[in-house]
Amino acid sequence: MNIQLRLFQDEEDEPSHSLTFDVPSIPLAGDRVTISRPGQEGYTSYIVRRRQWDLDLPSDEASHRADEKVIGNISAVIVECMFTVGPYSSEEHK
C-alpha cells in the first residue's frame, strides 16, 4: 500500500516536504518513523501526529439506501509526521 508522508517542522500548517513509500501497514499516531538514505550516516526520524484517508465514491449521489451496496476506493493515505531528533539522527537532520 502506498502512503504519502507529509513532514512538518514543529506545529506549522504546511509540510516542509513529502515522501511516498510502499508499506505493509499504516503507522499510527505516536509511532516513530525512521528513514535511511544511501551514503548518509545516521537517520531522519519523525513522530506520526495523525493519519488522513482520502476516499472516492463511484457515483455522484449524496447518499445511498442501506440495502444498496456501493463500494468506494482509497485515493490516498496521508500520514502527517513531525520532525524529531533521535540518538542516531544524521547531522543534516539535527
N, C-alpha and C. Protein backbone atom coordinates (compact mmCIF):
# COMPACT_ATOMS: atom_id res chain seq x y z
N MET A 1 0.85 -1.17 0.00
CA MET A 1 0.00 0.00 0.00
C MET A 1 0.90 1.24 0.00
N ASN A 2 0.61 2.17 -0.89
CA ASN A 2 1.37 3.42 -0.93
C ASN A 2 0.79 4.41 0.06
N ILE A 3 1.67 5.04 0.81
CA ILE A 3 1.27 6.14 1.69
C ILE A 3 2.15 7.34 1.38
N GLN A 4 1.61 8.50 1.66
CA GLN A 4 2.38 9.72 1.49
C GLN A 4 2.69 10.26 2.88
N LEU A 5 3.97 10.39 3.20
CA LEU A 5 4.37 11.04 4.44
C LEU A 5 4.48 12.53 4.18
N ARG A 6 3.77 13.32 4.96
CA ARG A 6 3.91 14.78 4.91
C ARG A 6 4.68 15.17 6.16
N LEU A 7 5.80 15.82 5.96
CA LEU A 7 6.74 16.10 7.04
C LEU A 7 6.66 17.56 7.46
N PHE A 8 6.41 17.77 8.76
CA PHE A 8 6.18 19.10 9.32
C PHE A 8 7.28 19.46 10.31
N GLN A 9 7.69 20.73 10.28
CA GLN A 9 8.57 21.29 11.30
C GLN A 9 7.68 21.82 12.41
N ASP A 10 7.88 21.43 13.63
CA ASP A 10 7.11 21.91 14.78
C ASP A 10 5.61 21.82 14.52
N GLU A 11 4.87 22.90 14.81
CA GLU A 11 3.40 22.90 14.67
C GLU A 11 2.94 23.68 13.44
N GLU A 12 3.79 23.76 12.41
CA GLU A 12 3.45 24.52 11.20
C GLU A 12 2.23 23.91 10.50
N ASP A 13 1.53 24.74 9.73
CA ASP A 13 0.34 24.29 9.00
C ASP A 13 0.68 23.65 7.66
N GLU A 14 1.82 23.99 7.09
CA GLU A 14 2.22 23.46 5.79
C GLU A 14 3.42 22.53 5.94
N PRO A 15 3.39 21.39 5.25
CA PRO A 15 4.53 20.48 5.34
C PRO A 15 5.77 21.07 4.66
N SER A 16 6.95 20.72 5.19
CA SER A 16 8.18 21.18 4.56
C SER A 16 8.48 20.36 3.31
N HIS A 17 8.12 19.08 3.31
CA HIS A 17 8.21 18.24 2.12
C HIS A 17 7.42 16.96 2.34
N SER A 18 7.34 16.13 1.29
CA SER A 18 6.61 14.88 1.40
C SER A 18 7.38 13.78 0.68
N LEU A 19 7.14 12.55 1.11
CA LEU A 19 7.77 11.37 0.54
C LEU A 19 6.70 10.29 0.42
N THR A 20 6.80 9.45 -0.60
CA THR A 20 5.86 8.36 -0.78
C THR A 20 6.59 7.03 -0.57
N PHE A 21 5.94 6.13 0.18
CA PHE A 21 6.51 4.82 0.47
C PHE A 21 5.48 3.72 0.24
N ASP A 22 5.96 2.55 -0.13
CA ASP A 22 5.14 1.35 -0.20
C ASP A 22 5.35 0.61 1.11
N VAL A 23 4.31 0.50 1.93
CA VAL A 23 4.42 -0.09 3.26
C VAL A 23 3.37 -1.19 3.45
N PRO A 24 3.63 -2.15 4.36
CA PRO A 24 2.66 -3.22 4.59
C PRO A 24 1.49 -2.80 5.47
N SER A 25 1.67 -1.75 6.29
CA SER A 25 0.58 -1.24 7.13
C SER A 25 0.83 0.24 7.39
N ILE A 26 -0.18 0.90 7.92
CA ILE A 26 -0.13 2.35 8.08
C ILE A 26 0.30 2.69 9.51
N PRO A 27 1.32 3.53 9.67
CA PRO A 27 1.75 3.91 11.02
C PRO A 27 0.63 4.62 11.78
N LEU A 28 0.61 4.41 13.09
CA LEU A 28 -0.39 5.02 13.97
C LEU A 28 0.14 6.29 14.59
N ALA A 29 -0.76 7.16 15.04
CA ALA A 29 -0.35 8.38 15.75
C ALA A 29 0.54 7.98 16.92
N GLY A 30 1.66 8.68 17.07
CA GLY A 30 2.61 8.38 18.14
C GLY A 30 3.74 7.47 17.70
N ASP A 31 3.59 6.77 16.58
CA ASP A 31 4.66 5.90 16.09
C ASP A 31 5.85 6.74 15.64
N ARG A 32 7.04 6.16 15.76
CA ARG A 32 8.27 6.78 15.25
C ARG A 32 8.55 6.17 13.88
N VAL A 33 8.81 7.03 12.90
CA VAL A 33 9.18 6.60 11.56
C VAL A 33 10.62 7.05 11.34
N THR A 34 11.48 6.11 10.96
CA THR A 34 12.90 6.39 10.74
C THR A 34 13.24 6.07 9.30
N ILE A 35 13.93 6.98 8.64
CA ILE A 35 14.27 6.82 7.23
C ILE A 35 15.78 6.85 7.07
N SER A 36 16.30 5.89 6.32
CA SER A 36 17.73 5.89 6.00
C SER A 36 17.89 6.18 4.51
N ARG A 37 19.01 6.78 4.17
CA ARG A 37 19.29 7.11 2.78
C ARG A 37 20.68 6.59 2.41
N PRO A 38 20.87 6.18 1.16
CA PRO A 38 22.19 5.68 0.76
C PRO A 38 23.27 6.74 0.96
N GLY A 39 24.38 6.33 1.51
CA GLY A 39 25.51 7.25 1.69
C GLY A 39 25.38 8.21 2.85
N GLN A 40 24.30 8.15 3.60
CA GLN A 40 24.09 9.06 4.73
C GLN A 40 24.38 8.33 6.04
N GLU A 41 25.17 8.94 6.89
CA GLU A 41 25.40 8.37 8.22
C GLU A 41 24.29 8.86 9.13
N GLY A 42 23.64 7.93 9.80
CA GLY A 42 22.52 8.29 10.66
C GLY A 42 21.20 8.24 9.91
N TYR A 43 20.17 8.69 10.58
CA TYR A 43 18.81 8.57 10.06
C TYR A 43 18.07 9.89 10.20
N THR A 44 16.91 9.97 9.54
CA THR A 44 15.97 11.05 9.80
C THR A 44 14.79 10.41 10.53
N SER A 45 14.33 11.05 11.59
CA SER A 45 13.27 10.47 12.42
C SER A 45 12.10 11.42 12.53
N TYR A 46 10.91 10.83 12.60
CA TYR A 46 9.67 11.59 12.67
C TYR A 46 8.70 10.88 13.60
N ILE A 47 7.80 11.64 14.19
CA ILE A 47 6.73 11.08 15.01
C ILE A 47 5.41 11.34 14.27
N VAL A 48 4.61 10.29 14.11
CA VAL A 48 3.32 10.41 13.42
C VAL A 48 2.36 11.20 14.31
N ARG A 49 1.76 12.27 13.76
CA ARG A 49 0.78 13.03 14.55
C ARG A 49 -0.65 12.69 14.18
N ARG A 50 -0.92 12.38 12.91
CA ARG A 50 -2.27 11.94 12.53
C ARG A 50 -2.22 11.32 11.13
N ARG A 51 -3.31 10.62 10.82
CA ARG A 51 -3.46 9.98 9.51
C ARG A 51 -4.69 10.55 8.82
N GLN A 52 -4.63 10.61 7.52
CA GLN A 52 -5.76 11.12 6.74
C GLN A 52 -6.06 10.12 5.63
N TRP A 53 -7.33 9.78 5.50
CA TRP A 53 -7.78 8.87 4.46
C TRP A 53 -8.59 9.67 3.44
N ASP A 54 -8.16 9.68 2.20
CA ASP A 54 -8.92 10.31 1.12
C ASP A 54 -9.61 9.20 0.34
N LEU A 55 -10.96 9.27 0.28
CA LEU A 55 -11.76 8.22 -0.34
C LEU A 55 -12.56 8.76 -1.51
N ASP A 56 -12.81 7.91 -2.50
CA ASP A 56 -13.61 8.26 -3.67
C ASP A 56 -14.82 7.34 -3.75
N LEU A 57 -15.98 7.90 -4.08
CA LEU A 57 -17.18 7.12 -4.36
C LEU A 57 -17.35 6.98 -5.86
N PRO A 58 -17.91 5.85 -6.33
CA PRO A 58 -18.07 5.66 -7.77
C PRO A 58 -19.25 6.42 -8.38
N SER A 59 -20.07 7.08 -7.56
CA SER A 59 -21.21 7.83 -8.11
C SER A 59 -21.28 9.20 -7.45
N ASP A 60 -22.05 10.10 -8.08
CA ASP A 60 -22.15 11.45 -7.53
C ASP A 60 -23.37 11.65 -6.64
N GLU A 61 -24.08 10.55 -6.31
CA GLU A 61 -25.24 10.67 -5.43
C GLU A 61 -24.78 11.00 -4.01
N ALA A 62 -25.56 11.84 -3.33
CA ALA A 62 -25.18 12.28 -1.98
C ALA A 62 -25.22 11.15 -0.97
N SER A 63 -26.15 10.22 -1.13
CA SER A 63 -26.25 9.09 -0.21
C SER A 63 -26.86 7.89 -0.92
N HIS A 64 -26.83 6.75 -0.25
CA HIS A 64 -27.36 5.52 -0.83
C HIS A 64 -28.24 4.83 0.20
N ARG A 65 -29.19 4.03 -0.28
CA ARG A 65 -30.04 3.27 0.63
C ARG A 65 -29.21 2.24 1.38
N ALA A 66 -29.69 1.86 2.56
CA ALA A 66 -28.97 0.91 3.40
C ALA A 66 -28.80 -0.44 2.73
N ASP A 67 -29.73 -0.85 1.88
CA ASP A 67 -29.64 -2.16 1.24
C ASP A 67 -28.87 -2.13 -0.09
N GLU A 68 -28.39 -0.95 -0.46
CA GLU A 68 -27.66 -0.80 -1.71
C GLU A 68 -26.15 -0.86 -1.42
N LYS A 69 -25.46 -1.74 -2.11
CA LYS A 69 -24.03 -1.90 -1.87
C LYS A 69 -23.25 -1.02 -2.85
N VAL A 70 -22.57 -0.01 -2.30
CA VAL A 70 -21.74 0.88 -3.09
C VAL A 70 -20.34 0.84 -2.48
N ILE A 71 -19.37 0.48 -3.30
CA ILE A 71 -18.01 0.33 -2.79
C ILE A 71 -17.14 1.42 -3.39
N GLY A 72 -16.52 2.20 -2.52
CA GLY A 72 -15.62 3.25 -2.94
C GLY A 72 -14.18 2.75 -2.95
N ASN A 73 -13.27 3.65 -3.21
CA ASN A 73 -11.84 3.33 -3.29
C ASN A 73 -11.03 4.32 -2.46
N ILE A 74 -9.86 3.89 -2.07
CA ILE A 74 -8.92 4.78 -1.40
C ILE A 74 -8.17 5.54 -2.48
N SER A 75 -8.22 6.86 -2.44
CA SER A 75 -7.45 7.64 -3.41
C SER A 75 -6.08 8.02 -2.85
N ALA A 76 -6.00 8.15 -1.51
CA ALA A 76 -4.70 8.46 -0.88
C ALA A 76 -4.77 8.19 0.61
N VAL A 77 -3.64 7.78 1.15
CA VAL A 77 -3.47 7.69 2.60
C VAL A 77 -2.31 8.61 2.92
N ILE A 78 -2.61 9.61 3.74
CA ILE A 78 -1.61 10.62 4.09
C ILE A 78 -1.28 10.48 5.57
N VAL A 79 0.00 10.43 5.87
CA VAL A 79 0.46 10.30 7.25
C VAL A 79 1.26 11.56 7.57
N GLU A 80 0.73 12.38 8.49
CA GLU A 80 1.41 13.61 8.88
C GLU A 80 2.42 13.29 9.97
N CYS A 81 3.65 13.76 9.80
CA CYS A 81 4.73 13.47 10.74
C CYS A 81 5.45 14.74 11.16
N MET A 82 5.90 14.76 12.40
CA MET A 82 6.67 15.88 12.96
C MET A 82 8.14 15.46 13.06
N PHE A 83 9.05 16.37 12.73
CA PHE A 83 10.47 16.11 12.90
C PHE A 83 10.78 15.81 14.37
N THR A 84 11.66 14.87 14.60
CA THR A 84 12.18 14.61 15.94
C THR A 84 13.65 14.21 15.80
N VAL A 85 14.42 14.46 16.81
CA VAL A 85 15.84 14.08 16.79
C VAL A 85 16.01 12.88 17.70
N GLY A 86 16.65 11.84 17.16
CA GLY A 86 16.90 10.63 17.91
C GLY A 86 18.39 10.44 18.13
N PRO A 87 18.77 9.39 18.85
CA PRO A 87 20.18 9.17 19.17
C PRO A 87 21.05 8.88 17.93
N TYR A 88 20.45 8.44 16.86
CA TYR A 88 21.21 8.12 15.64
C TYR A 88 20.84 9.03 14.48
N SER A 89 20.34 10.21 14.78
CA SER A 89 19.96 11.16 13.74
C SER A 89 21.20 11.64 12.98
N SER A 90 21.04 11.82 11.69
CA SER A 90 22.13 12.33 10.86
C SER A 90 22.40 13.79 11.25
N GLU A 91 23.59 14.25 10.95
CA GLU A 91 23.93 15.65 11.24
C GLU A 91 23.02 16.59 10.46
N GLU A 92 22.72 16.24 9.22
CA GLU A 92 21.84 17.06 8.40
C GLU A 92 20.45 17.18 9.04
N HIS A 93 19.95 16.07 9.62
CA HIS A 93 18.63 16.08 10.25
C HIS A 93 18.60 16.93 11.51
N LYS A 94 19.70 16.90 12.26
CA LYS A 94 19.78 17.68 13.51
C LYS A 94 19.74 19.16 13.20
